[in-house]
C-alpha atoms as a PDB file:
ATOM      1  CA  MET A   1     114.026 -43.937 153.283  1.00  0.00           C
ATOM      2  CA  LYS A   2     116.893 -43.575 150.893  1.00  0.00           C
ATOM      3  CA  SER A   3     116.806 -46.938 149.745  1.00  0.00           C
ATOM      4  CA  THR A   4     113.328 -46.503 148.655  1.00  0.00           C
ATOM      5  CA  LEU A   5     114.387 -43.031 147.161  1.00  0.00           C
ATOM      6  CA  ARG A   6     117.086 -44.833 144.978  1.00  0.00           C
ATOM      7  CA  LEU A   7     114.690 -47.483 143.824  1.00  0.00           C
ATOM      8  CA  PHE A   8     112.154 -45.345 142.874  1.00  0.00           C
ATOM      9  CA  PHE A   9     114.642 -42.947 140.506  1.00  0.00           C
ATOM     10  CA  SER A  10     116.087 -46.254 139.379  1.00  0.00           C
ATOM     11  CA  LEU A  11     112.873 -47.177 137.922  1.00  0.00           C
ATOM     12  CA  PHE A  12     111.605 -43.473 136.841  1.00  0.00           C
ATOM     13  CA  PHE A  13     115.230 -43.696 134.960  1.00  0.00           C
ATOM     14  CA  ILE A  14     114.643 -46.887 133.012  1.00  0.00           C
ATOM     15  CA  VAL A  15     111.292 -46.066 132.286  1.00  0.00           C
ATOM     16  CA  SER A  16     112.398 -42.630 130.541  1.00  0.00           C
ATOM     17  CA  MET A  17     114.949 -44.186 128.452  1.00  0.00           C
ATOM     18  CA  THR A  18     112.704 -47.111 127.151  1.00  0.00           C
ATOM     19  CA  TYR A  19     109.900 -44.250 126.271  1.00  0.00           C
ATOM     20  CA  GLY A  20     112.689 -42.147 124.613  1.00  0.00           C
ATOM     21  CA  SER A  21     113.917 -45.381 122.734  1.00  0.00           C
ATOM     22  CA  SER A  22     110.509 -46.221 121.568  1.00  0.00           C
ATOM     23  CA  LYS A  23     109.758 -42.473 120.252  1.00  0.00           C
ATOM     24  CA  ASN A  24     112.779 -42.215 118.455  1.00  0.00           C
ATOM     25  CA  ASN A  25     112.208 -45.606 116.829  1.00  0.00           C
ATOM     26  CA  ILE A  26     108.692 -44.701 115.982  1.00  0.00           C
ATOM     27  CA  SER A  27     109.839 -40.808 114.825  1.00  0.00           C
ATOM     28  CA  SER A  28     112.504 -42.832 112.486  1.00  0.00           C
ATOM     29  CA  LYS A  29     110.362 -45.111 110.988  1.00  0.00           C
ATOM     30  CA  SER A  30     107.605 -42.415 110.262  1.00  0.00           C
ATOM     31  CA  HIS A  31     110.517 -40.426 108.787  1.00  0.00           C
ATOM     32  CA  ASN A  32     111.576 -43.366 106.568  1.00  0.00           C
ATOM     33  CA  ASN A  33     108.124 -43.965 105.368  1.00  0.00           C
ATOM     34  CA  ALA A  34     107.726 -40.532 104.620  1.00  0.00           C
ATOM     35  CA  LYS A  35     110.960 -40.590 102.826  1.00  0.00           C
ATOM     36  CA  THR A  36     110.029 -43.666 101.106  1.00  0.00           C
ATOM     37  CA  THR A  37     106.528 -42.153  99.916  1.00  0.00           C
ATOM     38  CA  LEU A  38     108.562 -38.993  98.820  1.00  0.00           C
ATOM     39  CA  THR A  39     110.883 -40.967  96.927  1.00  0.00           C
ATOM     40  CA  GLN A  40     107.997 -42.762  95.102  1.00  0.00           C
ATOM     41  CA  GLU A  41     106.537 -39.774  94.229  1.00  0.00           C
ATOM     42  CA  ASN A  42     109.233 -38.443  92.836  1.00  0.00           C
ATOM     43  CA  ASN A  43     110.065 -41.181  90.750  1.00  0.00           C
ATOM     44  CA  GLU A  44     106.417 -41.259  89.350  1.00  0.00           C
ATOM     45  CA  THR A  45     106.777 -37.794  88.624  1.00  0.00           C
ATOM     46  CA  ASN A  46     110.144 -38.714  86.795  1.00  0.00           C
ATOM     47  CA  THR A  47     108.511 -41.269  84.687  1.00  0.00           C
ATOM     48  CA  THR A  48     105.408 -39.128  84.011  1.00  0.00           C
ATOM     49  CA  GLU A  49     108.107 -36.442  82.966  1.00  0.00           C
ATOM     50  CA  ASN A  50     110.020 -39.030  81.215  1.00  0.00           C
ATOM     51  CA  ASN A  51     106.899 -40.508  78.971  1.00  0.00           C
ATOM     52  CA  THR A  52     105.760 -36.432  78.059  1.00  0.00           C
ATOM     53  CA  THR A  53     109.288 -35.827  76.703  1.00  0.00           C
ATOM     54  CA  GLN A  54     108.910 -39.500  74.628  1.00  0.00           C
ATOM     55  CA  MET A  55     105.907 -38.094  72.959  1.00  0.00           C
ATOM     56  CA  ILE A  56     106.838 -34.667  72.345  1.00  0.00           C
ATOM     57  CA  GLU A  57     110.193 -36.064  70.774  1.00  0.00           C
ATOM     58  CA  GLU A  58     108.539 -38.887  68.505  1.00  0.00           C
ATOM     59  CA  PRO A  59     109.610 -37.717  64.851  1.00  0.00           C
ATOM     60  CA  ILE A  60     106.342 -36.549  62.815  1.00  0.00           C
ATOM     61  CA  LEU A  61     106.524 -38.936  59.384  1.00  0.00           C
ATOM     62  CA  ASN A  62     105.575 -36.634  56.287  1.00  0.00           C
ATOM     63  CA  THR A  63     104.140 -38.793  53.983  1.00  0.00           C
ATOM     64  CA  THR A  64     103.710 -36.188  51.304  1.00  0.00           C
ATOM     65  CA  THR A  65     105.747 -36.356  48.153  1.00  0.00           C
ATOM     66  CA  LYS A  66     104.449 -33.076  46.434  1.00  0.00           C
ATOM     67  CA  THR A  67     106.940 -30.653  45.026  1.00  0.00           C
ATOM     68  CA  ILE A  68     106.730 -26.964  46.456  1.00  0.00           C
ATOM     69  CA  ILE A  69     106.693 -24.368  43.752  1.00  0.00           C
ATOM     70  CA  GLY A  70     106.143 -21.159  43.352  1.00  0.00           C
ATOM     71  CA  GLY A  71     103.637 -18.633  41.852  1.00  0.00           C
ATOM     72  CA  VAL A  72     105.644 -18.026  38.725  1.00  0.00           C
ATOM     73  CA  GLU A  73     108.053 -20.836  37.320  1.00  0.00           C
ATOM     74  CA  LYS A  74     110.225 -21.668  34.322  1.00  0.00           C
ATOM     75  CA  VAL A  75     108.615 -24.753  32.404  1.00  0.00           C
ATOM     76  CA  ARG A  76     109.512 -26.620  29.333  1.00  0.00           C
ATOM     77  CA  ILE A  77     107.323 -27.990  26.599  1.00  0.00           C
ATOM     78  CA  LEU A  78     107.682 -30.722  24.529  1.00  0.00           C
ATOM     79  CA  PRO A  79     108.390 -31.567  21.431  1.00  0.00           C
ATOM     80  CA  GLU A  80     108.539 -27.782  20.769  1.00  0.00           C
ATOM     81  CA  ASN A  81     111.449 -27.757  23.647  1.00  0.00           C
ATOM     82  CA  ILE A  82     110.842 -24.031  24.587  1.00  0.00           C
ATOM     83  CA  LEU A  83     111.101 -22.505  27.828  1.00  0.00           C
ATOM     84  CA  PHE A  84     108.429 -20.051  29.449  1.00  0.00           C
ATOM     85  CA  GLU A  85     107.808 -18.446  32.628  1.00  0.00           C
ATOM     86  CA  ALA A  86     104.641 -19.502  33.231  1.00  0.00           C
ATOM     87  CA  ARG A  87     102.081 -18.450  35.419  1.00  0.00           C
ATOM     88  CA  ILE A  88     101.157 -21.383  38.134  1.00  0.00           C
ATOM     89  CA  ASP A  89      97.096 -20.932  38.397  1.00  0.00           C
ATOM     90  CA  THR A  90      95.049 -23.292  41.163  1.00  0.00           C
ATOM     91  CA  GLY A  91      92.289 -21.486  39.894  1.00  0.00           C
ATOM     92  CA  ALA A  92      92.473 -22.794  36.177  1.00  0.00           C
ATOM     93  CA  LYS A  93      91.234 -26.344  35.600  1.00  0.00           C
ATOM     94  CA  THR A  94      93.209 -26.738  32.334  1.00  0.00           C
ATOM     95  CA  SER A  95      96.382 -25.412  31.732  1.00  0.00           C
ATOM     96  CA  SER A  96      96.437 -23.081  28.504  1.00  0.00           C
ATOM     97  CA  LEU A  97      99.411 -21.824  26.084  1.00  0.00           C
ATOM     98  CA  GLY A  98      99.246 -18.301  24.678  1.00  0.00           C
ATOM     99  CA  VAL A  99     100.063 -18.805  20.194  1.00  0.00           C
ATOM    100  CA  ASP A 100     100.620 -16.228  17.486  1.00  0.00           C
ATOM    101  CA  SER A 101      98.025 -18.139  15.762  1.00  0.00           C
ATOM    102  CA  TYR A 102      96.730 -21.609  15.098  1.00  0.00           C
ATOM    103  CA  LYS A 103      94.934 -23.281  11.895  1.00  0.00           C
ATOM    104  CA  GLU A 104      92.662 -26.643  12.344  1.00  0.00           C
ATOM    105  CA  PHE A 105      92.494 -28.729   9.646  1.00  0.00           C
ATOM    106  CA  LYS A 106      91.425 -32.238   8.554  1.00  0.00           C
ATOM    107  CA  GLU A 107      94.334 -34.838   7.356  1.00  0.00           C
ATOM    108  CA  ASP A 108      93.269 -38.623   6.825  1.00  0.00           C
ATOM    109  CA  GLY A 109      90.299 -38.061   8.768  1.00  0.00           C
ATOM    110  CA  LYS A 110      91.876 -36.403  12.052  1.00  0.00           C
ATOM    111  CA  SER A 111      91.695 -32.938  13.266  1.00  0.00           C
ATOM    112  CA  TYR A 112      95.056 -31.458  13.886  1.00  0.00           C
ATOM    113  CA  VAL A 113      96.092 -28.002  14.376  1.00  0.00           C
ATOM    114  CA  GLU A 114      98.852 -25.784  13.015  1.00  0.00           C
ATOM    115  CA  ILE A 115     100.339 -23.248  15.938  1.00  0.00           C
ATOM    116  CA  GLU A 116     102.896 -20.739  15.144  1.00  0.00           C
ATOM    117  CA  ILE A 117     105.184 -19.814  18.484  1.00  0.00           C
ATOM    118  CA  ASP A 118     107.732 -16.745  17.625  1.00  0.00           C
ATOM    119  CA  GLY A 119     107.562 -17.655  13.989  1.00  0.00           C
ATOM    120  CA  LYS A 120     108.185 -21.403  14.431  1.00  0.00           C
ATOM    121  CA  LYS A 121     105.222 -23.299  13.205  1.00  0.00           C
ATOM    122  CA  PHE A 122     104.353 -26.634  14.897  1.00  0.00           C
ATOM    123  CA  LYS A 123     101.869 -29.516  14.393  1.00  0.00           C
ATOM    124  CA  HIS A 124      99.781 -31.395  16.731  1.00  0.00           C
ATOM    125  CA  LYS A 125      96.739 -33.889  16.906  1.00  0.00           C
ATOM    126  CA  VAL A 126      93.613 -32.155  18.414  1.00  0.00           C
ATOM    127  CA  VAL A 127      92.180 -34.466  21.277  1.00  0.00           C
ATOM    128  CA  ASP A 128      89.540 -32.678  22.276  1.00  0.00           C
ATOM    129  CA  HIS A 129      87.295 -28.627  21.929  1.00  0.00           C
ATOM    130  CA  VAL A 130      86.317 -26.623  25.148  1.00  0.00           C
ATOM    131  CA  LEU A 131      84.076 -23.286  24.867  1.00  0.00           C
ATOM    132  CA  ILE A 132      85.457 -20.536  26.578  1.00  0.00           C
ATOM    133  CA  LYS A 133      83.279 -17.843  27.435  1.00  0.00           C
ATOM    134  CA  GLN A 134      84.576 -14.490  26.603  1.00  0.00           C
ATOM    135  CA  HIS A 135      83.837 -11.653  28.714  1.00  0.00           C
ATOM    136  CA  GLY A 136      80.727  -9.722  27.364  1.00  0.00           C
ATOM    137  CA  GLY A 137      80.676 -11.726  24.520  1.00  0.00           C
ATOM    138  CA  ASP A 138      79.514 -15.334  23.314  1.00  0.00           C
ATOM    139  CA  SER A 139      81.911 -18.599  24.004  1.00  0.00           C
ATOM    140  CA  LYS A 140      84.296 -19.529  21.567  1.00  0.00           C
ATOM    141  CA  ARG A 141      85.425 -22.923  20.871  1.00  0.00           C
ATOM    142  CA  ARG A 142      89.033 -23.678  21.166  1.00  0.00           C
ATOM    143  CA  PRO A 143      90.958 -26.590  20.299  1.00  0.00           C
ATOM    144  CA  ILE A 144      92.922 -28.829  23.040  1.00  0.00           C
ATOM    145  CA  ILE A 145      96.030 -30.793  22.380  1.00  0.00           C
ATOM    146  CA  LYS A 146      98.442 -32.520  24.333  1.00  0.00           C
ATOM    147  CA  LEU A 147     102.232 -31.672  25.210  1.00  0.00           C
ATOM    148  CA  ARG A 148     104.820 -32.686  27.401  1.00  0.00           C
ATOM    149  CA  ILE A 149     105.275 -29.949  30.549  1.00  0.00           C
ATOM    150  CA  VAL A 150     108.578 -30.026  32.566  1.00  0.00           C
ATOM    151  CA  ILE A 151     108.485 -28.567  35.735  1.00  0.00           C
ATOM    152  CA  GLY A 152     111.813 -29.114  37.785  1.00  0.00           C
ATOM    153  CA  GLU A 153     112.499 -33.000  37.789  1.00  0.00           C
ATOM    154  CA  ILE A 154     108.423 -33.792  36.943  1.00  0.00           C
ATOM    155  CA  SER A 155     107.443 -34.383  33.476  1.00  0.00           C
ATOM    156  CA  GLU A 156     104.180 -35.172  32.343  1.00  0.00           C
ATOM    157  CA  VAL A 157     101.655 -34.959  29.453  1.00  0.00           C
ATOM    158  CA  ALA A 158      98.943 -33.135  29.840  1.00  0.00           C
ATOM    159  CA  ARG A 159      96.099 -31.278  27.994  1.00  0.00           C
ATOM    160  CA  MET A 160      96.635 -28.146  26.869  1.00  0.00           C
ATOM    161  CA  THR A 161      94.099 -25.306  25.404  1.00  0.00           C
ATOM    162  CA  LEU A 162      95.060 -23.043  22.770  1.00  0.00           C
ATOM    163  CA  GLU A 163      94.746 -19.222  23.274  1.00  0.00           C
ATOM    164  CA  ASP A 164      95.610 -15.963  22.505  1.00  0.00           C
ATOM    165  CA  ARG A 165      97.483 -15.061  25.504  1.00  0.00           C
ATOM    166  CA  SER A 166      98.715 -11.538  23.938  1.00  0.00           C
ATOM    167  CA  ASN A 167      97.067  -9.594  26.714  1.00  0.00           C
ATOM    168  CA  PHE A 168      98.295 -11.188  29.174  1.00  0.00           C
ATOM    169  CA  GLU A 169     101.627 -11.200  31.149  1.00  0.00           C
ATOM    170  CA  PHE A 170     102.312 -14.870  30.868  1.00  0.00           C
ATOM    171  CA  GLN A 171     102.410 -16.934  27.597  1.00  0.00           C
ATOM    172  CA  LEU A 172     101.876 -20.213  29.703  1.00  0.00           C
ATOM    173  CA  LEU A 173      99.348 -21.054  32.338  1.00  0.00           C
ATOM    174  CA  ILE A 174      99.604 -24.225  34.309  1.00  0.00           C
ATOM    175  CA  GLY A 175      95.979 -25.106  35.571  1.00  0.00           C
ATOM    176  CA  ARG A 176      94.873 -27.851  38.079  1.00  0.00           C
ATOM    177  CA  ASN A 177      95.453 -30.681  35.499  1.00  0.00           C
ATOM    178  CA  VAL A 178      99.208 -30.421  36.080  1.00  0.00           C
ATOM    179  CA  ILE A 179      99.512 -29.267  39.436  1.00  0.00           C
ATOM    180  CA  LYS A 180      96.962 -31.862  40.970  1.00  0.00           C
ATOM    181  CA  ASP A 181      98.911 -34.404  43.136  1.00  0.00           C
ATOM    182  CA  ARG A 182     102.183 -33.685  41.890  1.00  0.00           C
ATOM    183  CA  PHE A 183     102.885 -30.007  43.425  1.00  0.00           C
ATOM    184  CA  VAL A 184     102.082 -27.974  46.169  1.00  0.00           C
ATOM    185  CA  VAL A 185     102.202 -23.791  45.157  1.00  0.00           C
ATOM    186  CA  ASP A 186     103.592 -21.093  47.549  1.00  0.00           C
ATOM    187  CA  VAL A 187     102.627 -17.804  45.895  1.00  0.00           C
ATOM    188  CA  SER A 188     104.983 -15.886  47.699  1.00  0.00           C
ATOM    189  CA  GLN A 189     107.911 -17.625  45.615  1.00  0.00           C
ATOM    190  CA  GLN A 190     109.130 -17.271  42.127  1.00  0.00           C
ATOM    191  CA  PHE A 191     111.254 -19.404  40.027  1.00  0.00           C
ATOM    192  CA  THR A 192     112.367 -22.063  43.077  1.00  0.00           C
ATOM    193  CA  ILE A 193     113.420 -24.805  40.450  1.00  0.00           C
ATOM    194  CA  GLU A 194     114.576 -25.343  36.561  1.00  0.00           C
ATOM    195  CA  PRO A 195     113.341 -27.658  34.492  1.00  0.00           C
ATOM    196  CA  LYS A 196     115.562 -30.652  33.556  1.00  0.00           C
ATOM    197  CA  ILE A 197     116.826 -31.162  30.041  1.00  0.00           C
ATOM    198  CA  GLU A 198     115.100 -33.279  27.744  1.00  0.00           C
ATOM    199  CA  GLU A 199     115.465 -34.426  24.095  1.00  0.00           C
ATOM    200  CA  LYS A 200     112.824 -33.369  21.912  1.00  0.00           C
ATOM    201  CA  GLU A 201     110.642 -36.119  21.395  1.00  0.00           C
END
């Protein structure tokens, strides 16, 4: 009887140890599998975050080469070599210069105009005319000449309408024919750049 009990307990002990070892192996494998899965998920998350960070940090290329100027700037005109405080007006199609007086005349069959600014007289060839509608009145024909305009480092020849701007705050108005493709206007600023010095032509 005692021998039978001993054999029974021995077998029970062996079966228990075998079952426990198998259970631990299964648990260990499950734990390792779960850990591996978690690691893979973390790696995928880190990869996504890194990719996102790289996308955010990619530099945005600025392809514009336009100069930012204010609503009022110092502008030099040539060949007169006169410095004006000019209104930069994106609403005006053509630039205009206020003169004290002007007189058109013919010379060798060509049209010219003599302008007077601050007591000094200058002669220019007339390249065209424009009709300016007066407030409450008829349209008036005004001559157009070409002048070199210097704003900051940019120097360009532009068409300029002659008119009496004695009632305006600014004698020189710079319109879209000068601004377009060259400048971006920030009306909240003034006198942001100084015109470079050029010799009289």
